[in-house]
């Protein structure tokens, strides 16, 4: 640098710093309708999550009811098998008396004992199945499995709807059907999102 008074300044390696600030605003005016489709898809996913939870609850209720009435049915079957066992036991006693007086053969006695043992085996198997069903019900209800509950032999039902009424309500109250329809709508939203990506977009930048 040469000044007017004759002074000369010679420097090297001098650095300079500069700071620039900038603010930019971008706004999408049109993206093929994808943002609206995405919003509807997310909203549908939220509703579907509620339907999924409702299906889980309904399935647990269904399992509980089926298990309960299975226990009631098994109790009746156990009584029938106990009666059959008593009859076979009486038959064995009668044939033993006949063998003693010589009016029956030992083959008949052996066959009657085989029938009695088979009836006893059926009773034991039914008792095991009944106990397992009770334990499963206690597990579903989350109650103490050591407790012994009394299951009534008869139950009263107040269900009196006819088939036409059930058909009308099934479309509105069937959770599984509602879930499938929701899944169909989600697939349609995804398809529309893919179509929107192929459309032109318009944005504003300031």
N, C-alpha and C. Protein backbone atom coordinates (compact mmCIF):
# COMPACT_ATOMS: atom_id res chain seq x y z
N UNK A 1 0.86 -1.19 0.00
CA UNK A 1 0.00 0.00 0.00
C UNK A 1 0.90 1.24 0.00
N UNK A 2 0.63 2.16 -0.90
CA UNK A 2 1.37 3.41 -0.96
C UNK A 2 0.44 4.55 -0.65
N UNK A 3 0.79 5.31 0.35
CA UNK A 3 -0.02 6.46 0.77
C UNK A 3 0.50 7.72 0.09
N UNK A 4 -0.32 8.78 0.17
CA UNK A 4 0.02 10.05 -0.51
C UNK A 4 1.23 10.73 0.12
N UNK A 5 1.52 10.41 1.40
CA UNK A 5 2.68 11.03 2.05
C UNK A 5 3.96 10.25 1.81
N UNK A 6 3.91 9.23 0.95
CA UNK A 6 5.09 8.46 0.62
C UNK A 6 5.30 7.22 1.46
N UNK A 7 4.44 7.01 2.45
CA UNK A 7 4.57 5.81 3.30
C UNK A 7 4.13 4.59 2.50
N UNK A 8 4.90 3.52 2.63
CA UNK A 8 4.60 2.27 1.93
C UNK A 8 4.51 1.12 2.95
N UNK A 9 3.44 0.36 2.90
CA UNK A 9 3.20 -0.77 3.83
C UNK A 9 3.10 -2.04 3.00
N UNK A 10 3.93 -3.01 3.34
CA UNK A 10 3.96 -4.28 2.61
C UNK A 10 3.70 -5.42 3.62
N UNK A 11 2.54 -6.12 3.54
CA UNK A 11 2.18 -7.22 4.48
C UNK A 11 1.79 -8.46 3.68
N UNK A 12 1.91 -9.63 4.34
CA UNK A 12 1.52 -10.89 3.71
C UNK A 12 0.86 -11.79 4.78
N UNK A 13 0.06 -12.73 4.33
CA UNK A 13 -0.60 -13.66 5.26
C UNK A 13 -1.73 -13.06 6.05
N UNK A 14 -2.30 -11.97 5.56
CA UNK A 14 -3.40 -11.32 6.27
C UNK A 14 -4.71 -12.07 5.96
N UNK A 15 -5.52 -12.41 7.01
CA UNK A 15 -6.80 -13.12 6.82
C UNK A 15 -7.95 -12.21 7.21
N UNK A 16 -9.09 -12.49 6.64
CA UNK A 16 -10.29 -11.72 6.95
C UNK A 16 -11.47 -12.65 7.21
N UNK A 17 -12.36 -12.28 8.12
CA UNK A 17 -13.56 -13.06 8.46
C UNK A 17 -14.81 -12.27 8.13
N UNK A 18 -15.78 -12.97 7.55
CA UNK A 18 -17.04 -12.32 7.23
C UNK A 18 -18.21 -13.21 7.65
N UNK A 19 -19.29 -12.66 8.15
CA UNK A 19 -20.49 -13.40 8.58
C UNK A 19 -21.68 -12.91 7.79
N UNK A 20 -22.39 -13.88 7.19
CA UNK A 20 -23.59 -13.57 6.44
C UNK A 20 -24.78 -14.31 7.07
N UNK A 21 -25.88 -13.66 7.24
CA UNK A 21 -27.10 -14.27 7.78
C UNK A 21 -28.18 -14.30 6.71
N UNK A 22 -28.96 -15.44 6.70
CA UNK A 22 -29.98 -15.58 5.67
C UNK A 22 -31.16 -16.36 6.23
N UNK A 23 -32.33 -15.96 5.93
CA UNK A 23 -33.55 -16.67 6.33
C UNK A 23 -34.35 -17.02 5.09
N UNK A 24 -34.74 -18.31 5.03
CA UNK A 24 -35.48 -18.77 3.85
C UNK A 24 -36.74 -19.49 4.29
N UNK A 25 -37.83 -19.23 3.65
CA UNK A 25 -39.10 -19.86 3.96
C UNK A 25 -39.57 -20.64 2.74
N UNK A 26 -39.88 -21.95 2.98
CA UNK A 26 -40.40 -22.77 1.90
C UNK A 26 -41.78 -23.29 2.27
N UNK A 27 -42.70 -23.26 1.37
CA UNK A 27 -44.07 -23.70 1.62
C UNK A 27 -44.59 -24.47 0.41
N UNK A 28 -45.06 -25.68 0.68
CA UNK A 28 -45.60 -26.51 -0.40
C UNK A 28 -47.05 -26.14 -0.65
N UNK A 29 -47.32 -25.68 -1.84
CA UNK A 29 -48.68 -25.29 -2.19
C UNK A 29 -49.48 -26.48 -2.71
N UNK A 30 -48.82 -27.37 -3.44
CA UNK A 30 -49.52 -28.53 -4.00
C UNK A 30 -48.51 -29.64 -4.21
N UNK A 31 -48.83 -30.84 -3.68
CA UNK A 31 -47.94 -31.99 -3.86
C UNK A 31 -48.71 -33.20 -4.39
N UNK A 32 -49.74 -32.93 -5.17
CA UNK A 32 -50.54 -34.02 -5.72
C UNK A 32 -51.57 -34.55 -4.73
N UNK A 33 -51.78 -33.83 -3.63
CA UNK A 33 -52.73 -34.29 -2.61
C UNK A 33 -52.16 -35.33 -1.67
N UNK A 34 -50.82 -35.55 -1.70
CA UNK A 34 -50.21 -36.58 -0.87
C UNK A 34 -50.34 -36.29 0.62
N UNK A 35 -50.21 -35.00 0.99
CA UNK A 35 -50.25 -34.67 2.42
C UNK A 35 -51.61 -34.98 3.02
N UNK A 36 -52.68 -34.76 2.27
CA UNK A 36 -54.01 -35.07 2.77
C UNK A 36 -54.21 -36.59 2.86
N UNK A 37 -53.70 -37.29 1.87
CA UNK A 37 -53.80 -38.75 1.89
C UNK A 37 -53.01 -39.33 3.05
N UNK A 38 -51.83 -38.79 3.31
CA UNK A 38 -51.01 -39.26 4.43
C UNK A 38 -51.71 -39.01 5.75
N UNK A 39 -52.32 -37.83 5.87
CA UNK A 39 -53.06 -37.52 7.11
C UNK A 39 -54.20 -38.51 7.32
N UNK A 40 -54.94 -38.81 6.27
CA UNK A 40 -56.04 -39.77 6.39
C UNK A 40 -55.53 -41.17 6.70
N UNK A 41 -54.37 -41.52 6.14
CA UNK A 41 -53.81 -42.84 6.42
C UNK A 41 -53.39 -42.97 7.88
N UNK A 42 -52.75 -41.95 8.41
CA UNK A 42 -52.35 -41.99 9.82
C UNK A 42 -53.56 -42.01 10.75
N UNK A 43 -54.59 -41.28 10.37
CA UNK A 43 -55.82 -41.29 11.17
C UNK A 43 -56.47 -42.68 11.14
N UNK A 44 -56.45 -43.31 9.98
CA UNK A 44 -57.02 -44.65 9.86
C UNK A 44 -56.20 -45.67 10.65
N UNK A 45 -54.88 -45.50 10.67
CA UNK A 45 -54.03 -46.39 11.45
C UNK A 45 -54.34 -46.29 12.94
N UNK A 46 -54.64 -45.08 13.40
CA UNK A 46 -55.00 -44.90 14.80
C UNK A 46 -56.30 -45.63 15.13
N UNK A 47 -57.28 -45.53 14.24
CA UNK A 47 -58.53 -46.23 14.46
C UNK A 47 -58.35 -47.74 14.39
N UNK A 48 -57.48 -48.19 13.50
CA UNK A 48 -57.24 -49.63 13.36
C UNK A 48 -56.57 -50.20 14.61
N UNK A 49 -55.71 -49.41 15.25
CA UNK A 49 -55.08 -49.87 16.48
C UNK A 49 -56.13 -50.11 17.57
N UNK A 50 -57.14 -49.24 17.63
CA UNK A 50 -58.23 -49.45 18.58
C UNK A 50 -59.03 -50.70 18.26
N UNK A 51 -59.27 -50.96 16.97
CA UNK A 51 -59.99 -52.17 16.57
C UNK A 51 -59.18 -53.42 16.89
N UNK A 52 -57.86 -53.34 16.72
CA UNK A 52 -57.01 -54.48 17.04
C UNK A 52 -57.09 -54.83 18.52
N UNK A 53 -57.06 -53.81 19.37
CA UNK A 53 -57.19 -54.04 20.81
C UNK A 53 -58.54 -54.63 21.16
N UNK A 54 -59.58 -54.14 20.51
CA UNK A 54 -60.93 -54.66 20.76
C UNK A 54 -61.04 -56.12 20.36
N UNK A 55 -60.39 -56.50 19.26
CA UNK A 55 -60.42 -57.90 18.82
C UNK A 55 -59.73 -58.80 19.84
N UNK A 56 -58.62 -58.33 20.40
CA UNK A 56 -57.92 -59.12 21.42
C UNK A 56 -58.81 -59.35 22.62
N UNK A 57 -59.52 -58.30 23.06
CA UNK A 57 -60.41 -58.42 24.21
C UNK A 57 -61.55 -59.38 23.91
N UNK A 58 -62.15 -59.25 22.73
CA UNK A 58 -63.25 -60.13 22.36
C UNK A 58 -62.81 -61.59 22.26
N UNK A 59 -61.59 -61.82 21.76
CA UNK A 59 -61.09 -63.19 21.66
C UNK A 59 -60.89 -63.81 23.04
N UNK A 60 -60.41 -63.00 23.99
CA UNK A 60 -60.24 -63.52 25.34
C UNK A 60 -61.60 -63.83 25.99
N UNK A 61 -62.58 -62.98 25.73
CA UNK A 61 -63.93 -63.25 26.26
C UNK A 61 -64.49 -64.53 25.64
N UNK A 62 -64.26 -64.69 24.34
CA UNK A 62 -64.75 -65.89 23.65
C UNK A 62 -64.11 -67.15 24.23
N UNK A 63 -62.80 -67.11 24.45
CA UNK A 63 -62.11 -68.26 25.04
C UNK A 63 -62.66 -68.59 26.42
N UNK A 64 -62.93 -67.54 27.20
CA UNK A 64 -63.44 -67.76 28.55
C UNK A 64 -64.81 -68.41 28.53
N UNK A 65 -65.70 -67.92 27.67
CA UNK A 65 -67.05 -68.48 27.60
C UNK A 65 -67.03 -69.93 27.10
N UNK A 66 -66.23 -70.18 26.07
CA UNK A 66 -66.14 -71.54 25.53
C UNK A 66 -65.61 -72.49 26.60
N UNK A 67 -64.58 -72.04 27.33
CA UNK A 67 -64.00 -72.89 28.37
C UNK A 67 -64.99 -73.14 29.50
N UNK A 68 -65.75 -72.11 29.87
CA UNK A 68 -66.72 -72.26 30.96
C UNK A 68 -67.78 -73.30 30.61
N UNK A 69 -68.37 -73.17 29.43
CA UNK A 69 -69.43 -74.11 29.06
C UNK A 69 -68.88 -75.50 28.75
N UNK A 70 -67.60 -75.58 28.39
CA UNK A 70 -66.97 -76.89 28.23
C UNK A 70 -66.88 -77.60 29.58
N UNK A 71 -66.59 -76.83 30.63
CA UNK A 71 -66.53 -77.41 31.97
C UNK A 71 -67.90 -77.94 32.39
N UNK A 72 -68.94 -77.17 32.12
CA UNK A 72 -70.30 -77.62 32.45
C UNK A 72 -70.63 -78.91 31.69
N UNK A 73 -70.26 -78.96 30.41
CA UNK A 73 -70.52 -80.16 29.62
C UNK A 73 -69.71 -81.35 30.14
N UNK A 74 -68.44 -81.11 30.50
CA UNK A 74 -67.60 -82.19 31.00
C UNK A 74 -68.11 -82.75 32.32
N UNK A 75 -68.70 -81.88 33.13
CA UNK A 75 -69.28 -82.36 34.39
C UNK A 75 -70.41 -83.35 34.13
N UNK A 76 -71.25 -83.05 33.14
CA UNK A 76 -72.33 -83.96 32.79
C UNK A 76 -71.78 -85.28 32.24
N UNK A 77 -70.74 -85.17 31.40
CA UNK A 77 -70.14 -86.39 30.86
C UNK A 77 -69.51 -87.24 31.96
N UNK A 78 -68.91 -86.58 32.95
CA UNK A 78 -68.31 -87.33 34.06
C UNK A 78 -69.38 -88.08 34.85
N UNK A 79 -70.52 -87.44 35.08
CA UNK A 79 -71.61 -88.12 35.79
C UNK A 79 -72.09 -89.34 35.01
N UNK A 80 -72.21 -89.18 33.68
CA UNK A 80 -72.66 -90.30 32.85
C UNK A 80 -71.65 -91.46 32.90
N UNK A 81 -70.38 -91.14 32.89
CA UNK A 81 -69.36 -92.19 32.93
C UNK A 81 -69.30 -92.86 34.31
N UNK A 82 -69.58 -92.09 35.36
CA UNK A 82 -69.63 -92.69 36.70
C UNK A 82 -70.81 -93.66 36.81
N UNK A 83 -71.93 -93.28 36.20
CA UNK A 83 -73.09 -94.18 36.20
C UNK A 83 -72.76 -95.46 35.42
N UNK A 84 -72.08 -95.30 34.28
CA UNK A 84 -71.69 -96.46 33.49
C UNK A 84 -70.74 -97.36 34.28
N UNK A 85 -69.81 -96.75 35.01
CA UNK A 85 -68.88 -97.55 35.83
C UNK A 85 -69.63 -98.32 36.91
N UNK A 86 -70.61 -97.69 37.56
CA UNK A 86 -71.40 -98.38 38.59
C UNK A 86 -72.17 -99.55 37.98
N UNK A 87 -72.71 -99.36 36.78
CA UNK A 87 -73.45 -100.45 36.13
C UNK A 87 -72.53 -101.63 35.81
N UNK A 88 -71.33 -101.33 35.30
CA UNK A 88 -70.38 -102.41 35.00
C UNK A 88 -69.93 -103.11 36.28
N UNK A 89 -69.80 -102.34 37.37
CA UNK A 89 -69.41 -102.95 38.65
C UNK A 89 -70.51 -103.89 39.14
N UNK A 90 -71.76 -103.48 39.01
CA UNK A 90 -72.87 -104.35 39.40
C UNK A 90 -72.93 -105.60 38.52
N UNK A 91 -72.62 -105.40 37.23
CA UNK A 91 -72.61 -106.54 36.31
C UNK A 91 -71.55 -107.56 36.73
N UNK A 92 -70.37 -107.07 37.13
CA UNK A 92 -69.32 -107.97 37.59
C UNK A 92 -69.78 -108.75 38.81
N UNK A 93 -70.43 -108.05 39.75
CA UNK A 93 -70.91 -108.72 40.96
C UNK A 93 -71.95 -109.79 40.63
N UNK A 94 -72.83 -109.50 39.70
CA UNK A 94 -73.87 -110.48 39.31
C UNK A 94 -73.24 -111.70 38.65
N UNK A 95 -72.29 -111.47 37.74
CA UNK A 95 -71.66 -112.59 37.04
C UNK A 95 -70.82 -113.42 38.00
N UNK A 96 -70.17 -112.76 38.97
CA UNK A 96 -69.43 -113.53 39.98
C UNK A 96 -70.35 -114.45 40.76
N UNK A 97 -71.57 -113.94 41.08
CA UNK A 97 -72.53 -114.79 41.79
C UNK A 97 -72.98 -115.94 40.91
N UNK A 98 -73.16 -115.69 39.61
CA UNK A 98 -73.56 -116.76 38.69
C UNK A 98 -72.47 -117.81 38.55
N UNK A 99 -71.19 -117.34 38.49
CA UNK A 99 -70.07 -118.28 38.39
C UNK A 99 -70.02 -119.17 39.63
N UNK A 100 -70.34 -118.56 40.77
CA UNK A 100 -70.29 -119.32 42.03
C UNK A 100 -71.31 -120.45 42.04
N UNK A 101 -72.46 -120.25 41.38
CA UNK A 101 -73.49 -121.30 41.36
C UNK A 101 -73.44 -122.12 40.08
N UNK A 102 -72.48 -121.76 39.18
CA UNK A 102 -72.28 -122.54 37.98
C UNK A 102 -73.18 -122.20 36.81
N UNK A 103 -73.83 -121.02 36.83
CA UNK A 103 -74.70 -120.64 35.71
C UNK A 103 -74.05 -119.66 34.74
N UNK A 104 -72.79 -119.35 34.95
CA UNK A 104 -72.05 -118.45 34.05
C UNK A 104 -70.61 -118.93 33.96
N UNK A 105 -69.97 -118.62 32.84
CA UNK A 105 -68.58 -119.05 32.63
C UNK A 105 -67.60 -117.98 33.10
N UNK A 106 -66.38 -118.42 33.31
CA UNK A 106 -65.34 -117.47 33.72
C UNK A 106 -64.98 -116.52 32.57
N UNK A 107 -65.23 -116.90 31.37
CA UNK A 107 -64.99 -116.00 30.23
C UNK A 107 -65.93 -114.79 30.30
N UNK A 108 -67.17 -115.04 30.67
CA UNK A 108 -68.11 -113.92 30.85
C UNK A 108 -67.65 -113.01 31.98
N UNK A 109 -67.15 -113.63 33.05
CA UNK A 109 -66.67 -112.83 34.18
C UNK A 109 -65.47 -111.98 33.77
N UNK A 110 -64.55 -112.59 33.00
CA UNK A 110 -63.37 -111.85 32.54
C UNK A 110 -63.76 -110.69 31.64
N UNK A 111 -64.74 -110.94 30.74
CA UNK A 111 -65.17 -109.88 29.84
C UNK A 111 -65.84 -108.74 30.60
N UNK A 112 -66.62 -109.06 31.62
CA UNK A 112 -67.28 -108.02 32.42
C UNK A 112 -66.26 -107.19 33.19
N UNK A 113 -65.20 -107.84 33.66
CA UNK A 113 -64.15 -107.09 34.37
C UNK A 113 -63.39 -106.17 33.40
N UNK A 114 -63.19 -106.67 32.17
CA UNK A 114 -62.53 -105.81 31.16
C UNK A 114 -63.39 -104.58 30.88
N UNK A 115 -64.70 -104.78 30.76
CA UNK A 115 -65.61 -103.65 30.52
C UNK A 115 -65.60 -102.69 31.70
N UNK A 116 -65.56 -103.22 32.91
CA UNK A 116 -65.53 -102.35 34.10
C UNK A 116 -64.23 -101.54 34.14
N UNK A 117 -63.11 -102.18 33.82
CA UNK A 117 -61.83 -101.46 33.82
C UNK A 117 -61.81 -100.36 32.76
N UNK A 118 -62.41 -100.64 31.60
CA UNK A 118 -62.48 -99.63 30.55
C UNK A 118 -63.34 -98.45 31.00
N UNK A 119 -64.44 -98.75 31.70
CA UNK A 119 -65.30 -97.68 32.21
C UNK A 119 -64.56 -96.86 33.26
N UNK A 120 -63.78 -97.53 34.11
CA UNK A 120 -63.01 -96.81 35.12
C UNK A 120 -61.95 -95.92 34.48
N UNK A 121 -61.30 -96.43 33.41
CA UNK A 121 -60.31 -95.63 32.69
C UNK A 121 -60.95 -94.40 32.07
N UNK A 122 -62.17 -94.57 31.53
CA UNK A 122 -62.87 -93.43 30.93
C UNK A 122 -63.20 -92.39 32.00
N UNK A 123 -63.55 -92.84 33.21
CA UNK A 123 -63.83 -91.91 34.30
C UNK A 123 -62.59 -91.13 34.68
N UNK A 124 -61.46 -91.81 34.80
CA UNK A 124 -60.20 -91.14 35.17
C UNK A 124 -59.78 -90.13 34.10
N UNK A 125 -59.91 -90.51 32.84
CA UNK A 125 -59.55 -89.59 31.75
C UNK A 125 -60.45 -88.36 31.75
N UNK A 126 -61.74 -88.56 32.02
CA UNK A 126 -62.67 -87.43 32.06
C UNK A 126 -62.36 -86.52 33.23
N UNK A 127 -61.97 -87.09 34.37
CA UNK A 127 -61.61 -86.28 35.53
C UNK A 127 -60.38 -85.43 35.25
N UNK A 128 -59.39 -86.00 34.56
CA UNK A 128 -58.18 -85.25 34.21
C UNK A 128 -58.52 -84.12 33.23
N UNK A 129 -59.35 -84.41 32.22
CA UNK A 129 -59.74 -83.39 31.24
C UNK A 129 -60.52 -82.26 31.92
N UNK A 130 -61.39 -82.62 32.86
CA UNK A 130 -62.16 -81.61 33.57
C UNK A 130 -61.26 -80.74 34.42
N UNK A 131 -60.30 -81.34 35.09
CA UNK A 131 -59.38 -80.57 35.92
C UNK A 131 -58.54 -79.62 35.08
N UNK A 132 -58.06 -80.09 33.93
CA UNK A 132 -57.28 -79.24 33.03
C UNK A 132 -58.11 -78.06 32.52
N UNK A 133 -59.38 -78.32 32.20
CA UNK A 133 -60.25 -77.25 31.72
C UNK A 133 -60.47 -76.20 32.81
N UNK A 134 -60.60 -76.64 34.05
CA UNK A 134 -60.77 -75.69 35.17
C UNK A 134 -59.52 -74.84 35.35
N UNK A 135 -58.35 -75.48 35.27
CA UNK A 135 -57.09 -74.73 35.41
C UNK A 135 -56.94 -73.69 34.30
N UNK A 136 -57.35 -74.07 33.09
CA UNK A 136 -57.27 -73.12 31.97
C UNK A 136 -58.21 -71.93 32.19
N UNK A 137 -59.40 -72.21 32.73
CA UNK A 137 -60.33 -71.12 33.01
C UNK A 137 -59.79 -70.21 34.10
N UNK A 138 -59.20 -70.79 35.13
CA UNK A 138 -58.61 -69.98 36.19
C UNK A 138 -57.49 -69.09 35.65
N UNK A 139 -56.73 -69.65 34.68
CA UNK A 139 -55.66 -68.85 34.08
C UNK A 139 -56.22 -67.68 33.27
N UNK A 140 -57.28 -67.93 32.52
CA UNK A 140 -57.89 -66.87 31.72
C UNK A 140 -58.48 -65.78 32.62
N UNK A 141 -59.03 -66.17 33.75
CA UNK A 141 -59.64 -65.20 34.67
C UNK A 141 -58.63 -64.62 35.65
N UNK A 142 -57.39 -65.13 35.61
CA UNK A 142 -56.32 -64.68 36.51
C UNK A 142 -56.79 -64.78 37.97
N UNK A 143 -57.17 -65.98 38.38
CA UNK A 143 -57.58 -66.21 39.76
C UNK A 143 -56.77 -67.37 40.31
N UNK A 144 -56.87 -67.57 41.62
CA UNK A 144 -56.10 -68.59 42.31
C UNK A 144 -56.46 -69.97 41.78
N UNK A 145 -55.47 -70.70 41.31
CA UNK A 145 -55.73 -72.02 40.74
C UNK A 145 -55.93 -73.08 41.80
N UNK A 146 -55.61 -72.77 43.05
CA UNK A 146 -55.82 -73.73 44.14
C UNK A 146 -57.26 -73.69 44.66
N UNK A 147 -57.99 -72.66 44.28
CA UNK A 147 -59.37 -72.53 44.76
C UNK A 147 -60.28 -73.46 43.96
N UNK A 148 -61.36 -73.87 44.59
CA UNK A 148 -62.32 -74.76 43.95
C UNK A 148 -63.65 -74.03 43.82
N UNK A 149 -64.06 -73.78 42.60
CA UNK A 149 -65.30 -73.06 42.34
C UNK A 149 -66.38 -74.05 41.90
N UNK A 150 -67.59 -73.73 42.24
CA UNK A 150 -68.73 -74.57 41.89
C UNK A 150 -69.33 -74.06 40.59
N UNK A 151 -69.42 -74.94 39.62
CA UNK A 151 -70.00 -74.58 38.32
C UNK A 151 -71.41 -75.13 38.25
N UNK A 152 -72.39 -74.29 38.07
CA UNK A 152 -73.78 -74.76 38.04
C UNK A 152 -74.01 -75.72 36.88
N UNK A 153 -74.89 -76.69 37.12
CA UNK A 153 -75.19 -77.66 36.08
C UNK A 153 -76.08 -77.09 34.99
N UNK A 154 -76.86 -76.08 35.34
CA UNK A 154 -77.76 -75.46 34.38
C UNK A 154 -77.55 -73.95 34.39
N UNK A 155 -77.71 -73.34 33.25
CA UNK A 155 -77.56 -71.89 33.12
C UNK A 155 -78.76 -71.33 32.37
N UNK A 156 -79.12 -70.12 32.72
CA UNK A 156 -80.27 -69.46 32.09
C UNK A 156 -79.78 -68.43 31.08
N UNK A 157 -80.33 -68.47 29.90
CA UNK A 157 -79.95 -67.53 28.85
C UNK A 157 -81.13 -66.63 28.51
N UNK A 158 -80.82 -65.34 28.33
CA UNK A 158 -81.86 -64.36 27.96
C UNK A 158 -81.69 -63.95 26.50
N UNK A 159 -80.94 -64.71 25.74
CA UNK A 159 -80.70 -64.40 24.33
C UNK A 159 -81.93 -64.77 23.52
N UNK A 160 -82.57 -63.78 22.93
CA UNK A 160 -83.81 -64.05 22.19
C UNK A 160 -83.84 -63.33 20.84
N UNK A 161 -82.70 -62.99 20.28
CA UNK A 161 -82.66 -62.31 19.00
C UNK A 161 -82.79 -63.33 17.87
N UNK A 162 -83.48 -62.94 16.81
CA UNK A 162 -83.62 -63.84 15.67
C UNK A 162 -82.47 -63.64 14.69
N UNK A 163 -82.43 -64.48 13.68
CA UNK A 163 -81.32 -64.48 12.74
C UNK A 163 -81.25 -63.20 11.92
N UNK A 164 -82.41 -62.64 11.54
CA UNK A 164 -82.42 -61.42 10.72
C UNK A 164 -81.82 -60.24 11.49
N UNK A 165 -82.13 -60.14 12.79
CA UNK A 165 -81.57 -59.07 13.60
C UNK A 165 -80.06 -59.21 13.73
N UNK A 166 -79.60 -60.45 13.87
CA UNK A 166 -78.16 -60.68 13.98
C UNK A 166 -77.44 -60.30 12.69
N UNK A 167 -78.05 -60.59 11.55
CA UNK A 167 -77.43 -60.24 10.28
C UNK A 167 -77.29 -58.73 10.11
N UNK A 168 -78.31 -58.00 10.58
CA UNK A 168 -78.26 -56.54 10.47
C UNK A 168 -77.19 -55.95 11.38
N UNK A 169 -77.06 -56.52 12.58
CA UNK A 169 -76.09 -55.98 13.54
C UNK A 169 -74.66 -56.43 13.24
N UNK A 170 -74.52 -57.55 12.54
CA UNK A 170 -73.18 -58.10 12.33
C UNK A 170 -72.30 -57.16 11.52
N UNK A 171 -72.86 -56.49 10.55
CA UNK A 171 -72.06 -55.60 9.70
C UNK A 171 -71.59 -54.38 10.47
N UNK A 172 -72.38 -53.94 11.45
CA UNK A 172 -72.02 -52.74 12.20
C UNK A 172 -71.19 -53.05 13.44
N UNK A 173 -71.40 -54.21 14.04
CA UNK A 173 -70.75 -54.51 15.32
C UNK A 173 -69.67 -55.58 15.21
N UNK A 174 -69.45 -56.14 14.04
CA UNK A 174 -68.43 -57.16 13.89
C UNK A 174 -67.06 -56.49 13.83
N UNK A 175 -66.28 -56.67 14.89
CA UNK A 175 -64.98 -56.00 14.98
C UNK A 175 -64.01 -56.50 13.93
N UNK A 176 -64.01 -57.78 13.68
CA UNK A 176 -63.09 -58.34 12.70
C UNK A 176 -63.40 -57.82 11.30
N UNK A 177 -64.69 -57.72 10.98
CA UNK A 177 -65.08 -57.16 9.68
C UNK A 177 -64.68 -55.70 9.58
N UNK A 178 -64.87 -54.94 10.66
CA UNK A 178 -64.46 -53.53 10.67
C UNK A 178 -62.95 -53.40 10.49
N UNK A 179 -62.19 -54.31 11.09
CA UNK A 179 -60.73 -54.28 10.95
C UNK A 179 -60.32 -54.54 9.51
N UNK A 180 -60.97 -55.50 8.86
CA UNK A 180 -60.64 -55.81 7.48
C UNK A 180 -60.99 -54.64 6.54
N UNK A 181 -62.12 -53.99 6.81
CA UNK A 181 -62.48 -52.82 6.00
C UNK A 181 -61.48 -51.69 6.21
N UNK A 182 -61.02 -51.51 7.46
CA UNK A 182 -60.02 -50.50 7.75
C UNK A 182 -58.71 -50.81 7.04
N UNK A 183 -58.33 -52.08 7.02
CA UNK A 183 -57.12 -52.48 6.31
C UNK A 183 -57.24 -52.21 4.82
N UNK A 184 -58.43 -52.40 4.27
CA UNK A 184 -58.67 -52.11 2.85
C UNK A 184 -58.50 -50.62 2.57
N UNK A 185 -59.01 -49.78 3.47
CA UNK A 185 -58.86 -48.33 3.29
C UNK A 185 -57.39 -47.92 3.40
N UNK A 186 -56.65 -48.54 4.30
CA UNK A 186 -55.22 -48.22 4.42
C UNK A 186 -54.47 -48.54 3.14
N UNK A 187 -54.79 -49.65 2.52
CA UNK A 187 -54.13 -50.00 1.26
C UNK A 187 -54.50 -49.01 0.15
N UNK A 188 -55.73 -48.54 0.18
CA UNK A 188 -56.13 -47.54 -0.81
C UNK A 188 -55.38 -46.22 -0.59
N UNK A 189 -55.20 -45.83 0.67
CA UNK A 189 -54.44 -44.60 0.97
C UNK A 189 -52.99 -44.74 0.50
N UNK A 190 -52.38 -45.89 0.73
CA UNK A 190 -51.00 -46.11 0.30
C UNK A 190 -50.90 -46.05 -1.22
N UNK A 191 -51.90 -46.60 -1.90
CA UNK A 191 -51.90 -46.54 -3.36
C UNK A 191 -52.03 -45.09 -3.84
N UNK A 192 -52.88 -44.32 -3.20
CA UNK A 192 -53.04 -42.91 -3.59
C UNK A 192 -51.78 -42.10 -3.31
N UNK A 193 -51.07 -42.45 -2.22
CA UNK A 193 -49.80 -41.76 -1.96
C UNK A 193 -48.79 -42.03 -3.07
N UNK A 194 -48.75 -43.27 -3.54
CA UNK A 194 -47.83 -43.60 -4.63
C UNK A 194 -48.20 -42.87 -5.92
N UNK A 195 -49.50 -42.75 -6.18
CA UNK A 195 -49.95 -42.02 -7.36
C UNK A 195 -49.63 -40.53 -7.25
N UNK A 196 -49.73 -39.98 -6.02
CA UNK A 196 -49.48 -38.55 -5.83
C UNK A 196 -48.02 -38.20 -6.09
N UNK A 197 -47.10 -39.16 -5.87
CA UNK A 197 -45.68 -38.89 -6.10
C UNK A 197 -45.38 -38.68 -7.59
N UNK A 198 -46.24 -39.19 -8.46
CA UNK A 198 -46.02 -39.02 -9.90
C UNK A 198 -46.64 -37.73 -10.44
N UNK A 199 -47.39 -37.02 -9.61
CA UNK A 199 -48.01 -35.76 -10.03
C UNK A 199 -47.05 -34.60 -9.78
N UNK A 200 -47.21 -33.50 -10.55
CA UNK A 200 -46.34 -32.33 -10.33
C UNK A 200 -46.61 -31.67 -8.99
N UNK A 201 -45.58 -31.03 -8.45
CA UNK A 201 -45.72 -30.35 -7.17
C UNK A 201 -45.43 -28.86 -7.36
N UNK A 202 -46.03 -28.03 -6.53
CA UNK A 202 -45.86 -26.58 -6.61
C UNK A 202 -45.50 -26.05 -5.23
N UNK A 203 -44.39 -25.31 -5.15
CA UNK A 203 -43.93 -24.79 -3.88
C UNK A 203 -43.62 -23.31 -3.96
N UNK A 204 -43.60 -22.65 -2.81
CA UNK A 204 -43.29 -21.21 -2.72
C UNK A 204 -42.09 -21.03 -1.81
N UNK A 205 -41.10 -20.30 -2.29
CA UNK A 205 -39.89 -20.02 -1.52
C UNK A 205 -39.68 -18.52 -1.41
N UNK A 206 -39.46 -18.07 -0.20
CA UNK A 206 -39.22 -16.65 0.03
C UNK A 206 -37.97 -16.47 0.86
